């Protein structure tokens, strides 16, 4: 899969893997857990309109990597194919949402939501 997400006591770290670092123009991002509102598993997200790509890569039906702007909100996408997409909601950050393809989406969603609850 295309993204590694690491959670510690105070931080959520998102790191595209392999060639996705190049396509998304991102090596890694870190967000304070206090700015993470929660996460959901959304298998239909890859079929939604992403917005205007700025910058990044879009191959409709296959890969979306980088920053997309829709209705004035910036989102980071690192999604390959359709299906296992995790959506992470943020507050007070450059991005309103992160859309990520990960190895175990439901496990990650539970871990993020538990960490957010514990840090509140």
C-alpha atoms as a PDB file:
ATOM      1  CA  UNK A   1       0.000   0.000   0.000  1.00  0.00           C
ATOM      2  CA  UNK A   2       1.012   3.584  -0.267  1.00  0.00           C
ATOM      3  CA  UNK A   3       1.077   5.232   3.164  1.00  0.00           C
ATOM      4  CA  UNK A   4       2.481   4.539   6.622  1.00  0.00           C
ATOM      5  CA  UNK A   5       0.755   6.188   9.593  1.00  0.00           C
ATOM      6  CA  UNK A   6       2.407   6.251  13.015  1.00  0.00           C
ATOM      7  CA  UNK A   7       0.722   7.380  16.226  1.00  0.00           C
ATOM      8  CA  UNK A   8       2.523   8.241  19.454  1.00  0.00           C
ATOM      9  CA  UNK A   9       1.392  10.017  22.634  1.00  0.00           C
ATOM     10  CA  UNK A  10       1.235  13.472  21.044  1.00  0.00           C
ATOM     11  CA  UNK A  11       1.660  13.139  17.277  1.00  0.00           C
ATOM     12  CA  UNK A  12       0.185  11.547  14.163  1.00  0.00           C
ATOM     13  CA  UNK A  13       2.837  10.994  11.458  1.00  0.00           C
ATOM     14  CA  UNK A  14       1.878  10.326   7.818  1.00  0.00           C
ATOM     15  CA  UNK A  15       4.541   9.085   5.422  1.00  0.00           C
ATOM     16  CA  UNK A  16       3.940   8.184   1.772  1.00  0.00           C
ATOM     17  CA  UNK A  17       5.984   5.151   0.738  1.00  0.00           C
ATOM     18  CA  UNK A  18       8.064   4.468  -2.336  1.00  0.00           C
ATOM     19  CA  UNK A  19       7.250   6.394  -5.494  1.00  0.00           C
ATOM     20  CA  UNK A  20       4.271   8.005  -3.720  1.00  0.00           C
ATOM     21  CA  UNK A  21       6.766  10.355  -2.004  1.00  0.00           C
ATOM     22  CA  UNK A  22       7.587  11.659  -5.468  1.00  0.00           C
ATOM     23  CA  UNK A  23       4.021  11.794  -6.810  1.00  0.00           C
ATOM     24  CA  UNK A  24       2.617  13.520  -3.728  1.00  0.00           C
ATOM     25  CA  UNK A  25       5.631  15.834  -3.342  1.00  0.00           C
ATOM     26  CA  UNK A  26       5.624  14.875   0.337  1.00  0.00           C
ATOM     27  CA  UNK A  27       8.182  12.982   2.410  1.00  0.00           C
ATOM     28  CA  UNK A  28       6.296  13.050   5.706  1.00  0.00           C
ATOM     29  CA  UNK A  29       3.837  15.158   7.679  1.00  0.00           C
ATOM     30  CA  UNK A  30       3.269  15.370  11.414  1.00  0.00           C
ATOM     31  CA  UNK A  31       0.179  16.643  13.172  1.00  0.00           C
ATOM     32  CA  UNK A  32      -0.423  17.134  16.911  1.00  0.00           C
ATOM     33  CA  UNK A  33      -3.086  14.722  18.157  1.00  0.00           C
ATOM     34  CA  UNK A  34      -4.877  17.768  19.540  1.00  0.00           C
ATOM     35  CA  UNK A  35      -5.519  18.790  15.905  1.00  0.00           C
ATOM     36  CA  UNK A  36      -6.846  15.384  14.833  1.00  0.00           C
ATOM     37  CA  UNK A  37     -10.641  15.279  15.066  1.00  0.00           C
ATOM     38  CA  UNK A  38     -11.010  11.618  14.149  1.00  0.00           C
ATOM     39  CA  UNK A  39     -10.867   9.083  11.345  1.00  0.00           C
ATOM     40  CA  UNK A  40     -13.305   7.062   9.255  1.00  0.00           C
ATOM     41  CA  UNK A  41     -13.093   4.209   6.783  1.00  0.00           C
ATOM     42  CA  UNK A  42     -14.674   5.348   3.512  1.00  0.00           C
ATOM     43  CA  UNK A  43     -14.485   2.837   0.653  1.00  0.00           C
ATOM     44  CA  UNK A  44     -16.383   5.238  -1.630  1.00  0.00           C
ATOM     45  CA  UNK A  45     -14.056   8.229  -1.155  1.00  0.00           C
ATOM     46  CA  UNK A  46     -11.915   7.429  -4.184  1.00  0.00           C
ATOM     47  CA  UNK A  47     -14.965   7.864  -6.421  1.00  0.00           C
ATOM     48  CA  UNK A  48     -15.733  11.386  -5.113  1.00  0.00           C
ATOM     49  CA  UNK A  49     -14.753  14.578  -6.885  1.00  0.00           C
ATOM     50  CA  UNK A  50     -11.383  15.518  -5.424  1.00  0.00           C
ATOM     51  CA  UNK A  51     -11.205  19.141  -6.506  1.00  0.00           C
ATOM     52  CA  UNK A  52      -8.429  20.975  -8.285  1.00  0.00           C
ATOM     53  CA  UNK A  53      -5.026  19.304  -8.099  1.00  0.00           C
ATOM     54  CA  UNK A  54      -2.384  21.678  -6.747  1.00  0.00           C
ATOM     55  CA  UNK A  55       0.284  20.138  -6.857  1.00  0.00           C
ATOM     56  CA  UNK A  56       0.249  16.391  -7.332  1.00  0.00           C
ATOM     57  CA  UNK A  57      -0.783  13.576  -9.624  1.00  0.00           C
ATOM     58  CA  UNK A  58      -4.223  12.434 -10.738  1.00  0.00           C
ATOM     59  CA  UNK A  59      -4.783   9.312 -12.827  1.00  0.00           C
ATOM     60  CA  UNK A  60      -8.582   8.920 -12.666  1.00  0.00           C
ATOM     61  CA  UNK A  61      -9.638   5.452 -11.600  1.00  0.00           C
ATOM     62  CA  UNK A  62      -6.177   4.561 -10.335  1.00  0.00           C
ATOM     63  CA  UNK A  63      -4.097   7.063  -8.313  1.00  0.00           C
ATOM     64  CA  UNK A  64      -4.461  10.428  -6.600  1.00  0.00           C
ATOM     65  CA  UNK A  65      -1.441  11.880  -4.814  1.00  0.00           C
ATOM     66  CA  UNK A  66      -0.873  15.379  -3.521  1.00  0.00           C
ATOM     67  CA  UNK A  67      -2.884  18.430  -2.598  1.00  0.00           C
ATOM     68  CA  UNK A  68      -6.406  18.979  -3.909  1.00  0.00           C
ATOM     69  CA  UNK A  69      -8.570  22.040  -3.284  1.00  0.00           C
ATOM     70  CA  UNK A  70     -12.355  21.693  -3.226  1.00  0.00           C
ATOM     71  CA  UNK A  71     -14.816  24.370  -2.109  1.00  0.00           C
ATOM     72  CA  UNK A  72     -11.968  26.348  -0.531  1.00  0.00           C
ATOM     73  CA  UNK A  73     -10.668  23.418   1.559  1.00  0.00           C
ATOM     74  CA  UNK A  74      -7.296  21.801   1.032  1.00  0.00           C
ATOM     75  CA  UNK A  75      -7.057  18.022   1.312  1.00  0.00           C
ATOM     76  CA  UNK A  76      -4.100  15.705   0.986  1.00  0.00           C
ATOM     77  CA  UNK A  77      -4.682  12.559  -1.065  1.00  0.00           C
ATOM     78  CA  UNK A  78      -2.464   9.503  -1.303  1.00  0.00           C
ATOM     79  CA  UNK A  79      -4.875   6.907  -2.655  1.00  0.00           C
ATOM     80  CA  UNK A  80      -4.342   4.037  -5.068  1.00  0.00           C
ATOM     81  CA  UNK A  81      -7.313   2.238  -6.631  1.00  0.00           C
ATOM     82  CA  UNK A  82     -10.748   1.967  -5.082  1.00  0.00           C
ATOM     83  CA  UNK A  83     -11.693   0.668  -1.665  1.00  0.00           C
ATOM     84  CA  UNK A  84      -9.505   0.900   1.404  1.00  0.00           C
ATOM     85  CA  UNK A  85      -9.474   4.670   2.023  1.00  0.00           C
ATOM     86  CA  UNK A  86      -9.032   6.171   5.476  1.00  0.00           C
ATOM     87  CA  UNK A  87     -10.195   9.766   5.913  1.00  0.00           C
ATOM     88  CA  UNK A  88      -8.565  11.706   8.755  1.00  0.00           C
ATOM     89  CA  UNK A  89     -10.279  14.948   9.803  1.00  0.00           C
ATOM     90  CA  UNK A  90      -8.012  17.759  11.018  1.00  0.00           C
ATOM     91  CA  UNK A  91      -8.552  21.133  12.705  1.00  0.00           C
ATOM     92  CA  UNK A  92      -6.286  24.180  12.617  1.00  0.00           C
ATOM     93  CA  UNK A  93      -3.991  22.644   9.987  1.00  0.00           C
ATOM     94  CA  UNK A  94      -3.062  23.301   6.359  1.00  0.00           C
ATOM     95  CA  UNK A  95      -5.293  20.378   5.323  1.00  0.00           C
ATOM     96  CA  UNK A  96      -8.898  19.839   6.406  1.00  0.00           C
ATOM     97  CA  UNK A  97      -8.680  16.114   5.562  1.00  0.00           C
ATOM     98  CA  UNK A  98      -6.195  13.430   4.667  1.00  0.00           C
ATOM     99  CA  UNK A  99      -7.320  10.638   2.314  1.00  0.00           C
ATOM    100  CA  UNK A 100      -4.988   7.658   2.538  1.00  0.00           C
ATOM    101  CA  UNK A 101      -4.636   4.112   1.283  1.00  0.00           C
ATOM    102  CA  UNK A 102      -3.194   1.976   4.099  1.00  0.00           C
ATOM    103  CA  UNK A 103      -2.618  -1.717   4.760  1.00  0.00           C
ATOM    104  CA  UNK A 104      -5.224  -2.185   7.494  1.00  0.00           C
ATOM    105  CA  UNK A 105      -7.738   0.674   7.277  1.00  0.00           C
ATOM    106  CA  UNK A 106     -10.161  -0.429  10.001  1.00  0.00           C
ATOM    107  CA  UNK A 107      -7.335  -1.073  12.468  1.00  0.00           C
ATOM    108  CA  UNK A 108      -5.876   2.372  11.742  1.00  0.00           C
ATOM    109  CA  UNK A 109      -9.242   4.117  12.134  1.00  0.00           C
ATOM    110  CA  UNK A 110      -9.752   2.456  15.536  1.00  0.00           C
ATOM    111  CA  UNK A 111      -6.210   3.355  16.637  1.00  0.00           C
ATOM    112  CA  UNK A 112      -6.551   7.006  15.598  1.00  0.00           C
ATOM    113  CA  UNK A 113      -9.938   7.414  17.261  1.00  0.00           C
ATOM    114  CA  UNK A 114      -8.660   5.769  20.466  1.00  0.00           C
ATOM    115  CA  UNK A 115      -5.580   8.033  20.509  1.00  0.00           C
ATOM    116  CA  UNK A 116      -7.709  11.139  19.946  1.00  0.00           C
ATOM    117  CA  UNK A 117     -10.055  10.138  22.757  1.00  0.00           C
ATOM    118  CA  UNK A 118      -7.134   9.399  25.123  1.00  0.00           C
ATOM    119  CA  UNK A 119      -5.443  12.738  24.365  1.00  0.00           C
ATOM    120  CA  UNK A 120      -8.615  14.785  25.009  1.00  0.00           C
END
